[in-house]
Amino acid sequence: MAHQKDLSTILFRGTLGCLAVLTVVLLIAPTAVVLIVSFTDGYSLKFPPVSYSTRWYVELWNASHLHFAAMNSIKVGLATTLLSVVFGVLASLAIVGSKSRWARALDSLFMSPLVLPALAFGFAALMTFSAVGWSVSITTLIIGHTAVCVPYVIRTTSAALAQMDPALLESSASLGASRWYSFRFVTLPLIRPGVMAGAFIAFMSSFDNVPVSLFLRDARTDMLPIRMWQDLEGKLDVTIAALSGVIIIFTLIMMIVMERVAGLSRRLRQG
């Protein structure tokens, strides 16, 4: 009986380990392929490349249409991150500090953009802006991106607030500190890692967003992910592989920095 139990445990762990390895390979392999192809010396997206070169990274430096789209994505991403942090922190303070049904209802409302299909939300946002007479612009992009990015900040900030000892605020109040003073010098330093983790996720989500940008952008606000897709669809431009390599490397560096500064993986588990 004990032998059968040991055998079952071994089979279970072996199967689980194989699934974990397969999952990691499926996640990492496409990224590795893109990085390798980005160093091709040819004019086509062929794997493995016949010869290697950095020529497409040089071409990327001169691709002005991609620079324009990248600057738009960065501007929208930064503005979205700022608004998401402000609204997300305020919402977290209200939700975590209240036990009422209204707080739970607001929490569900703020999380709803993550539940709705992204394309449906983008189309609904476009119809809403059209109904009030707003034409698509960088402003509508920022509003739309903020709506779908605020939940990330709320989740990480709420997790940080839930771990904070309420006695600290009570002690601050008993010593005569105002609510603003307590928030600035007690609450904010303690929840800063959670806020930073949420801000990072919000920026990356905005920068990489396609469904909302697809409906709320125009020629003046061309976004990088959409421009990359259009170039690949029309002419299989190898420069896009080089750009993808730059984005992958930048993302990895930022993830390492955020892991050291804010404990990103731990914040995601808590959220």
C-alpha atoms as a PDB file:
ATOM      1  CA  MET A   1       0.000   0.000   0.000  1.00  0.00           C
ATOM      2  CA  ALA A   2       2.814   2.397   0.917  1.00  0.00           C
ATOM      3  CA  HIS A   3       4.613   1.426  -2.294  1.00  0.00           C
ATOM      4  CA  GLN A   4       1.534   2.308  -4.393  1.00  0.00           C
ATOM      5  CA  LYS A   5       1.216   5.642  -2.591  1.00  0.00           C
ATOM      6  CA  ASP A   6       4.883   6.462  -3.268  1.00  0.00           C
ATOM      7  CA  LEU A   7       4.459   5.485  -6.926  1.00  0.00           C
ATOM      8  CA  SER A   8       1.383   7.712  -7.253  1.00  0.00           C
ATOM      9  CA  THR A   9       3.268  10.621  -5.701  1.00  0.00           C
ATOM     10  CA  ILE A  10       6.182  10.122  -8.101  1.00  0.00           C
ATOM     11  CA  LEU A  11       3.854   9.960 -11.118  1.00  0.00           C
ATOM     12  CA  PHE A  12       1.964  13.063  -9.977  1.00  0.00           C
ATOM     13  CA  ARG A  13       5.137  15.080  -9.433  1.00  0.00           C
ATOM     14  CA  GLY A  14       6.606  13.832 -12.694  1.00  0.00           C
ATOM     15  CA  THR A  15       3.498  14.825 -14.650  1.00  0.00           C
ATOM     16  CA  LEU A  16       3.358  18.210 -12.920  1.00  0.00           C
ATOM     17  CA  GLY A  17       7.057  18.776 -13.639  1.00  0.00           C
ATOM     18  CA  CYS A  18       6.625  17.897 -17.323  1.00  0.00           C
ATOM     19  CA  LEU A  19       3.686  20.291 -17.623  1.00  0.00           C
ATOM     20  CA  ALA A  20       5.683  23.049 -15.917  1.00  0.00           C
ATOM     21  CA  VAL A  21       8.638  22.530 -18.279  1.00  0.00           C
ATOM     22  CA  LEU A  22       6.318  22.484 -21.313  1.00  0.00           C
ATOM     23  CA  THR A  23       4.645  25.700 -20.157  1.00  0.00           C
ATOM     24  CA  VAL A  24       7.980  27.453 -19.668  1.00  0.00           C
ATOM     25  CA  VAL A  25       9.180  26.323 -23.112  1.00  0.00           C
ATOM     26  CA  LEU A  26       5.980  27.530 -24.789  1.00  0.00           C
ATOM     27  CA  LEU A  27       6.324  30.915 -23.066  1.00  0.00           C
ATOM     28  CA  ILE A  28      10.040  31.413 -23.687  1.00  0.00           C
ATOM     29  CA  ALA A  29      10.429  29.851 -27.158  1.00  0.00           C
ATOM     30  CA  PRO A  30       8.539  32.572 -29.129  1.00  0.00           C
ATOM     31  CA  THR A  31      10.548  35.289 -27.378  1.00  0.00           C
ATOM     32  CA  ALA A  32      13.812  33.500 -28.113  1.00  0.00           C
ATOM     33  CA  VAL A  33      12.830  33.043 -31.783  1.00  0.00           C
ATOM     34  CA  VAL A  34      12.064  36.759 -32.170  1.00  0.00           C
ATOM     35  CA  LEU A  35      15.390  37.747 -30.595  1.00  0.00           C
ATOM     36  CA  ILE A  36      17.338  35.392 -32.869  1.00  0.00           C
ATOM     37  CA  VAL A  37      15.495  36.475 -36.021  1.00  0.00           C
ATOM     38  CA  SER A  38      16.093  40.150 -35.171  1.00  0.00           C
ATOM     39  CA  PHE A  39      19.813  39.590 -35.857  1.00  0.00           C
ATOM     40  CA  THR A  40      19.280  38.161 -39.335  1.00  0.00           C
ATOM     41  CA  ASP A  41      21.247  39.561 -42.267  1.00  0.00           C
ATOM     42  CA  GLY A  42      18.513  38.714 -44.752  1.00  0.00           C
ATOM     43  CA  TYR A  43      15.415  40.502 -45.965  1.00  0.00           C
ATOM     44  CA  SER A  44      12.877  37.967 -44.712  1.00  0.00           C
ATOM     45  CA  LEU A  45      11.692  36.669 -41.346  1.00  0.00           C
ATOM     46  CA  LYS A  46      13.291  33.239 -41.604  1.00  0.00           C
ATOM     47  CA  PHE A  47      14.229  30.999 -38.683  1.00  0.00           C
ATOM     48  CA  PRO A  48      16.992  30.127 -38.220  1.00  0.00           C
ATOM     49  CA  PRO A  49      18.716  32.991 -40.083  1.00  0.00           C
ATOM     50  CA  VAL A  50      21.251  32.067 -42.764  1.00  0.00           C
ATOM     51  CA  SER A  51      23.639  34.754 -41.500  1.00  0.00           C
ATOM     52  CA  TYR A  52      23.666  37.210 -38.643  1.00  0.00           C
ATOM     53  CA  SER A  53      24.046  40.989 -38.481  1.00  0.00           C
ATOM     54  CA  THR A  54      22.898  44.061 -36.538  1.00  0.00           C
ATOM     55  CA  ARG A  55      21.835  45.831 -39.745  1.00  0.00           C
ATOM     56  CA  TRP A  56      18.144  45.894 -38.804  1.00  0.00           C
ATOM     57  CA  TYR A  57      18.883  47.558 -35.493  1.00  0.00           C
ATOM     58  CA  VAL A  58      20.688  50.251 -37.498  1.00  0.00           C
ATOM     59  CA  GLU A  59      17.677  50.496 -39.821  1.00  0.00           C
ATOM     60  CA  LEU A  60      15.464  50.816 -36.778  1.00  0.00           C
ATOM     61  CA  TRP A  61      17.378  53.941 -35.781  1.00  0.00           C
ATOM     62  CA  ASN A  62      16.285  55.578 -39.057  1.00  0.00           C
ATOM     63  CA  ALA A  63      12.649  54.351 -39.042  1.00  0.00           C
ATOM     64  CA  SER A  64      10.946  57.688 -38.375  1.00  0.00           C
ATOM     65  CA  HIS A  65       7.398  56.284 -38.649  1.00  0.00           C
ATOM     66  CA  LEU A  66       8.163  53.852 -35.823  1.00  0.00           C
ATOM     67  CA  HIS A  67       9.747  56.645 -33.753  1.00  0.00           C
ATOM     68  CA  PHE A  68       6.561  58.693 -34.117  1.00  0.00           C
ATOM     69  CA  ALA A  69       4.354  55.791 -33.029  1.00  0.00           C
ATOM     70  CA  ALA A  70       6.702  54.932 -30.149  1.00  0.00           C
ATOM     71  CA  MET A  71       6.639  58.502 -28.828  1.00  0.00           C
ATOM     72  CA  ASN A  72       2.831  58.483 -28.915  1.00  0.00           C
ATOM     73  CA  SER A  73       2.749  55.196 -26.991  1.00  0.00           C
ATOM     74  CA  ILE A  74       5.216  56.520 -24.410  1.00  0.00           C
ATOM     75  CA  LYS A  75       3.274  59.773 -23.936  1.00  0.00           C
ATOM     76  CA  VAL A  76      -0.030  57.964 -23.539  1.00  0.00           C
ATOM     77  CA  GLY A  77       1.598  55.360 -21.275  1.00  0.00           C
ATOM     78  CA  LEU A  78       3.124  57.955 -18.943  1.00  0.00           C
ATOM     79  CA  ALA A  79      -0.089  60.009 -18.721  1.00  0.00           C
ATOM     80  CA  THR A  80      -2.111  56.838 -18.161  1.00  0.00           C
ATOM     81  CA  THR A  81       0.259  55.673 -15.439  1.00  0.00           C
ATOM     82  CA  LEU A  82       0.058  59.003 -13.617  1.00  0.00           C
ATOM     83  CA  LEU A  83      -3.744  59.064 -13.688  1.00  0.00           C
ATOM     84  CA  SER A  84      -3.974  55.376 -12.785  1.00  0.00           C
ATOM     85  CA  VAL A  85      -1.761  55.885  -9.741  1.00  0.00           C
ATOM     86  CA  VAL A  86      -3.767  58.894  -8.508  1.00  0.00           C
ATOM     87  CA  PHE A  87      -7.181  57.271  -9.013  1.00  0.00           C
ATOM     88  CA  GLY A  88      -5.988  53.815  -7.991  1.00  0.00           C
ATOM     89  CA  VAL A  89      -4.481  54.947  -4.682  1.00  0.00           C
ATOM     90  CA  LEU A  90      -7.554  57.035  -3.807  1.00  0.00           C
ATOM     91  CA  ALA A  91      -9.879  54.147  -4.658  1.00  0.00           C
ATOM     92  CA  SER A  92      -7.760  51.694  -2.640  1.00  0.00           C
ATOM     93  CA  LEU A  93      -7.843  53.945   0.412  1.00  0.00           C
ATOM     94  CA  ALA A  94     -11.637  54.172   0.175  1.00  0.00           C
ATOM     95  CA  ILE A  95     -12.187  50.450  -0.445  1.00  0.00           C
ATOM     96  CA  VAL A  96      -9.748  49.030   2.103  1.00  0.00           C
ATOM     97  CA  GLY A  97     -10.752  51.518   4.780  1.00  0.00           C
ATOM     98  CA  SER A  98     -14.456  50.680   4.539  1.00  0.00           C
ATOM     99  CA  LYS A  99     -16.438  47.547   5.403  1.00  0.00           C
ATOM    100  CA  SER A 100     -19.687  48.659   3.769  1.00  0.00           C
ATOM    101  CA  ARG A 101     -21.425  47.010   0.849  1.00  0.00           C
ATOM    102  CA  TRP A 102     -20.802  50.151  -1.178  1.00  0.00           C
ATOM    103  CA  ALA A 103     -17.071  49.547  -0.929  1.00  0.00           C
ATOM    104  CA  ARG A 104     -17.435  46.013  -2.292  1.00  0.00           C
ATOM    105  CA  ALA A 105     -19.704  47.316  -5.063  1.00  0.00           C
ATOM    106  CA  LEU A 106     -17.138  49.958  -6.015  1.00  0.00           C
ATOM    107  CA  ASP A 107     -14.390  47.348  -6.007  1.00  0.00           C
ATOM    108  CA  SER A 108     -16.392  45.229  -8.464  1.00  0.00           C
ATOM    109  CA  LEU A 109     -17.079  48.304 -10.604  1.00  0.00           C
ATOM    110  CA  PHE A 110     -13.410  49.267 -10.783  1.00  0.00           C
ATOM    111  CA  MET A 111     -12.442  45.693 -11.702  1.00  0.00           C
ATOM    112  CA  SER A 112     -15.083  45.435 -14.451  1.00  0.00           C
ATOM    113  CA  PRO A 113     -12.758  46.604 -17.299  1.00  0.00           C
ATOM    114  CA  LEU A 114     -10.664  43.483 -16.675  1.00  0.00           C
ATOM    115  CA  VAL A 115     -13.737  41.256 -17.011  1.00  0.00           C
ATOM    116  CA  LEU A 116     -15.209  42.834 -20.138  1.00  0.00           C
ATOM    117  CA  PRO A 117     -13.769  41.744 -23.517  1.00  0.00           C
ATOM    118  CA  ALA A 118     -11.188  44.346 -24.501  1.00  0.00           C
ATOM    119  CA  LEU A 119     -12.579  44.827 -28.019  1.00  0.00           C
ATOM    120  CA  ALA A 120     -16.078  45.319 -26.648  1.00  0.00           C
ATOM    121  CA  PHE A 121     -14.808  47.908 -24.167  1.00  0.00           C
ATOM    122  CA  GLY A 122     -12.892  49.755 -26.898  1.00  0.00           C
ATOM    123  CA  PHE A 123     -15.974  49.863 -29.149  1.00  0.00           C
ATOM    124  CA  ALA A 124     -18.192  50.965 -26.245  1.00  0.00           C
ATOM    125  CA  ALA A 125     -15.719  53.736 -25.378  1.00  0.00           C
ATOM    126  CA  LEU A 126     -15.737  54.930 -28.995  1.00  0.00           C
ATOM    127  CA  MET A 127     -19.560  55.030 -29.043  1.00  0.00           C
ATOM    128  CA  THR A 128     -19.601  56.915 -25.742  1.00  0.00           C
ATOM    129  CA  PHE A 129     -17.163  59.568 -26.935  1.00  0.00           C
ATOM    130  CA  SER A 130     -19.080  59.922 -30.205  1.00  0.00           C
ATOM    131  CA  ALA A 131     -22.342  60.380 -28.287  1.00  0.00           C
ATOM    132  CA  VAL A 132     -20.914  63.286 -26.277  1.00  0.00           C
ATOM    133  CA  GLY A 133     -19.322  64.841 -29.375  1.00  0.00           C
ATOM    134  CA  TRP A 134     -15.659  64.031 -28.687  1.00  0.00           C
ATOM    135  CA  SER A 135     -13.535  63.097 -31.664  1.00  0.00           C
ATOM    136  CA  VAL A 136     -10.775  60.530 -31.166  1.00  0.00           C
ATOM    137  CA  SER A 137      -7.526  62.076 -30.016  1.00  0.00           C
ATOM    138  CA  ILE A 138      -4.703  61.543 -27.553  1.00  0.00           C
ATOM    139  CA  THR A 139      -7.123  62.618 -24.800  1.00  0.00           C
ATOM    140  CA  THR A 140      -9.618  59.852 -25.581  1.00  0.00           C
ATOM    141  CA  LEU A 141      -6.728  57.370 -25.738  1.00  0.00           C
ATOM    142  CA  ILE A 142      -5.526  58.379 -22.284  1.00  0.00           C
ATOM    143  CA  ILE A 143      -9.043  58.152 -20.829  1.00  0.00           C
ATOM    144  CA  GLY A 144      -9.640  54.738 -22.377  1.00  0.00           C
ATOM    145  CA  HIS A 145      -6.252  53.375 -21.277  1.00  0.00           C
ATOM    146  CA  THR A 146      -6.707  54.754 -17.762  1.00  0.00           C
ATOM    147  CA  ALA A 147     -10.028  52.932 -17.400  1.00  0.00           C
ATOM    148  CA  VAL A 148      -8.399  49.561 -18.146  1.00  0.00           C
ATOM    149  CA  CYS A 149      -5.170  50.222 -16.209  1.00  0.00           C
ATOM    150  CA  VAL A 150      -6.543  51.588 -12.916  1.00  0.00           C
ATOM    151  CA  PRO A 151      -7.542  48.079 -11.698  1.00  0.00           C
ATOM    152  CA  TYR A 152      -3.898  46.981 -11.644  1.00  0.00           C
ATOM    153  CA  VAL A 153      -2.926  49.837  -9.337  1.00  0.00           C
ATOM    154  CA  ILE A 154      -5.950  49.188  -7.132  1.00  0.00           C
ATOM    155  CA  ARG A 155      -5.058  45.526  -6.726  1.00  0.00           C
ATOM    156  CA  THR A 156      -1.391  46.016  -5.784  1.00  0.00           C
ATOM    157  CA  THR A 157      -2.093  49.061  -3.590  1.00  0.00           C
ATOM    158  CA  SER A 158      -4.985  47.351  -1.798  1.00  0.00           C
ATOM    159  CA  ALA A 159      -2.732  44.368  -1.056  1.00  0.00           C
ATOM    160  CA  ALA A 160      -0.123  46.715   0.445  1.00  0.00           C
ATOM    161  CA  LEU A 161      -2.758  48.556   2.503  1.00  0.00           C
ATOM    162  CA  ALA A 162      -4.198  45.285   3.817  1.00  0.00           C
ATOM    163  CA  GLN A 163      -0.790  44.380   5.268  1.00  0.00           C
ATOM    164  CA  MET A 164      -0.341  47.715   7.031  1.00  0.00           C
ATOM    165  CA  ASP A 165      -0.846  47.767  10.798  1.00  0.00           C
ATOM    166  CA  PRO A 166      -3.834  50.075  11.626  1.00  0.00           C
ATOM    167  CA  ALA A 167      -2.166  50.886  14.953  1.00  0.00           C
ATOM    168  CA  LEU A 168       0.357  53.030  13.075  1.00  0.00           C
ATOM    169  CA  LEU A 169      -2.344  55.419  11.863  1.00  0.00           C
ATOM    170  CA  GLU A 170      -4.008  55.426  15.274  1.00  0.00           C
ATOM    171  CA  SER A 171      -0.692  56.349  16.886  1.00  0.00           C
ATOM    172  CA  SER A 172      -0.141  59.097  14.334  1.00  0.00           C
ATOM    173  CA  ALA A 173      -3.620  60.534  14.965  1.00  0.00           C
ATOM    174  CA  SER A 174      -3.186  60.367  18.735  1.00  0.00           C
ATOM    175  CA  LEU A 175      -0.018  62.436  18.391  1.00  0.00           C
ATOM    176  CA  GLY A 176      -1.970  65.166  16.630  1.00  0.00           C
ATOM    177  CA  ALA A 177      -1.111  64.436  13.008  1.00  0.00           C
ATOM    178  CA  SER A 178      -3.649  65.362  10.351  1.00  0.00           C
ATOM    179  CA  ARG A 179      -4.931  62.794   7.855  1.00  0.00           C
ATOM    180  CA  TRP A 180      -2.824  64.297   5.076  1.00  0.00           C
ATOM    181  CA  TYR A 181       0.292  64.245   7.258  1.00  0.00           C
ATOM    182  CA  SER A 182      -0.358  60.618   8.253  1.00  0.00           C
ATOM    183  CA  PHE A 183      -0.888  59.629   4.633  1.00  0.00           C
ATOM    184  CA  ARG A 184       2.248  61.408   3.439  1.00  0.00           C
ATOM    185  CA  PHE A 185       4.649  60.260   6.149  1.00  0.00           C
ATOM    186  CA  VAL A 186       3.131  56.978   7.359  1.00  0.00           C
ATOM    187  CA  THR A 187       0.835  55.373   4.801  1.00  0.00           C
ATOM    188  CA  LEU A 188       2.583  56.344   1.555  1.00  0.00           C
ATOM    189  CA  PRO A 189       6.088  55.126   2.516  1.00  0.00           C
ATOM    190  CA  LEU A 190       4.627  51.772   3.596  1.00  0.00           C
ATOM    191  CA  ILE A 191       2.540  51.211   0.464  1.00  0.00           C
ATOM    192  CA  ARG A 192       5.082  52.691  -1.983  1.00  0.00           C
ATOM    193  CA  PRO A 193       6.286  49.267  -3.248  1.00  0.00           C
ATOM    194  CA  GLY A 194       2.698  48.259  -4.056  1.00  0.00           C
ATOM    195  CA  VAL A 195       2.044  51.573  -5.812  1.00  0.00           C
ATOM    196  CA  MET A 196       5.261  51.243  -7.830  1.00  0.00           C
ATOM    197  CA  ALA A 197       4.406  47.691  -8.861  1.00  0.00           C
ATOM    198  CA  GLY A 198       0.937  48.799  -9.985  1.00  0.00           C
ATOM    199  CA  ALA A 199       2.393  51.764 -11.874  1.00  0.00           C
ATOM    200  CA  PHE A 200       4.810  49.498 -13.741  1.00  0.00           C
ATOM    201  CA  ILE A 201       2.045  47.079 -14.730  1.00  0.00           C
ATOM    202  CA  ALA A 202      -0.215  49.982 -15.754  1.00  0.00           C
ATOM    203  CA  PHE A 203       2.476  51.481 -18.004  1.00  0.00           C
ATOM    204  CA  MET A 204       3.274  48.177 -19.693  1.00  0.00           C
ATOM    205  CA  SER A 205      -0.433  47.424 -20.169  1.00  0.00           C
ATOM    206  CA  SER A 206      -1.004  50.840 -21.733  1.00  0.00           C
ATOM    207  CA  PHE A 207       2.097  50.639 -23.930  1.00  0.00           C
ATOM    208  CA  ASP A 208       1.088  47.193 -25.222  1.00  0.00           C
ATOM    209  CA  ASN A 209      -2.649  47.857 -25.519  1.00  0.00           C
ATOM    210  CA  VAL A 210      -4.171  47.137 -28.919  1.00  0.00           C
ATOM    211  CA  PRO A 211      -7.993  46.756 -28.578  1.00  0.00           C
ATOM    212  CA  VAL A 212      -8.660  50.134 -26.947  1.00  0.00           C
ATOM    213  CA  SER A 213      -6.090  51.946 -29.102  1.00  0.00           C
ATOM    214  CA  LEU A 214      -7.598  50.412 -32.235  1.00  0.00           C
ATOM    215  CA  PHE A 215     -10.863  52.277 -31.670  1.00  0.00           C
ATOM    216  CA  LEU A 216      -9.654  55.486 -30.010  1.00  0.00           C
ATOM    217  CA  ARG A 217      -6.706  56.536 -32.143  1.00  0.00           C
ATOM    218  CA  ASP A 218      -6.379  58.404 -35.437  1.00  0.00           C
ATOM    219  CA  ALA A 219      -3.535  59.219 -37.836  1.00  0.00           C
ATOM    220  CA  ARG A 220      -2.126  61.818 -35.444  1.00  0.00           C
ATOM    221  CA  THR A 221      -2.051  59.360 -32.557  1.00  0.00           C
ATOM    222  CA  ASP A 222      -0.683  56.249 -34.244  1.00  0.00           C
ATOM    223  CA  MET A 223       0.289  53.721 -31.568  1.00  0.00           C
ATOM    224  CA  LEU A 224       3.343  51.474 -31.721  1.00  0.00           C
ATOM    225  CA  PRO A 225       1.676  48.026 -31.326  1.00  0.00           C
ATOM    226  CA  ILE A 226      -0.813  48.822 -34.108  1.00  0.00           C
ATOM    227  CA  ARG A 227       1.917  50.225 -36.375  1.00  0.00           C
ATOM    228  CA  MET A 228       3.996  47.082 -35.814  1.00  0.00           C
ATOM    229  CA  TRP A 229       1.057  44.848 -36.732  1.00  0.00           C
ATOM    230  CA  GLN A 230       0.270  46.849 -39.867  1.00  0.00           C
ATOM    231  CA  ASP A 231       3.890  46.714 -41.046  1.00  0.00           C
ATOM    232  CA  LEU A 232       4.063  42.971 -40.488  1.00  0.00           C
ATOM    233  CA  GLU A 233       0.736  42.414 -42.217  1.00  0.00           C
ATOM    234  CA  GLY A 234       1.674  44.505 -45.235  1.00  0.00           C
ATOM    235  CA  LYS A 235       5.336  43.756 -45.941  1.00  0.00           C
ATOM    236  CA  LEU A 236       6.853  41.489 -43.234  1.00  0.00           C
ATOM    237  CA  ASP A 237       9.362  44.203 -42.339  1.00  0.00           C
ATOM    238  CA  VAL A 238      12.380  42.693 -40.547  1.00  0.00           C
ATOM    239  CA  THR A 239      12.811  46.009 -38.714  1.00  0.00           C
ATOM    240  CA  ILE A 240       9.793  44.999 -36.613  1.00  0.00           C
ATOM    241  CA  ALA A 241      11.758  41.992 -35.334  1.00  0.00           C
ATOM    242  CA  ALA A 242      14.557  44.339 -34.247  1.00  0.00           C
ATOM    243  CA  LEU A 243      12.020  46.615 -32.554  1.00  0.00           C
ATOM    244  CA  SER A 244      10.501  43.595 -30.801  1.00  0.00           C
ATOM    245  CA  GLY A 245      13.978  42.674 -29.572  1.00  0.00           C
ATOM    246  CA  VAL A 246      14.435  46.170 -28.113  1.00  0.00           C
ATOM    247  CA  ILE A 247      11.049  45.999 -26.371  1.00  0.00           C
ATOM    248  CA  ILE A 248      11.782  42.531 -24.953  1.00  0.00           C
ATOM    249  CA  ILE A 249      15.171  43.573 -23.581  1.00  0.00           C
ATOM    250  CA  PHE A 250      13.767  46.810 -22.135  1.00  0.00           C
ATOM    251  CA  THR A 251      10.900  44.920 -20.484  1.00  0.00           C
ATOM    252  CA  LEU A 252      13.260  42.363 -18.940  1.00  0.00           C
ATOM    253  CA  ILE A 253      15.489  45.115 -17.556  1.00  0.00           C
ATOM    254  CA  MET A 254      12.514  46.967 -16.086  1.00  0.00           C
ATOM    255  CA  MET A 255      11.156  43.763 -14.546  1.00  0.00           C
ATOM    256  CA  ILE A 256      14.499  43.095 -12.864  1.00  0.00           C
ATOM    257  CA  VAL A 257      14.621  46.680 -11.562  1.00  0.00           C
ATOM    258  CA  MET A 258      11.040  46.523 -10.275  1.00  0.00           C
ATOM    259  CA  GLU A 259      11.686  43.148  -8.668  1.00  0.00           C
ATOM    260  CA  ARG A 260      14.588  44.622  -6.703  1.00  0.00           C
ATOM    261  CA  VAL A 261      12.875  47.909  -5.868  1.00  0.00           C
ATOM    262  CA  ALA A 262       9.269  46.843  -5.259  1.00  0.00           C
ATOM    263  CA  GLY A 263       9.257  43.031  -5.141  1.00  0.00           C
ATOM    264  CA  LEU A 264       7.082  42.810  -8.262  1.00  0.00           C
ATOM    265  CA  SER A 265       6.432  39.043  -8.201  1.00  0.00           C
ATOM    266  CA  ARG A 266       5.453  39.144  -4.521  1.00  0.00           C
ATOM    267  CA  ARG A 267       3.084  42.057  -5.125  1.00  0.00           C
ATOM    268  CA  LEU A 268       1.435  40.183  -8.002  1.00  0.00           C
ATOM    269  CA  ARG A 269       0.873  37.131  -5.817  1.00  0.00           C
ATOM    270  CA  GLN A 270      -0.626  39.279  -3.058  1.00  0.00           C
ATOM    271  CA  GLY A 271      -2.867  41.124  -5.525  1.00  0.00           C
END
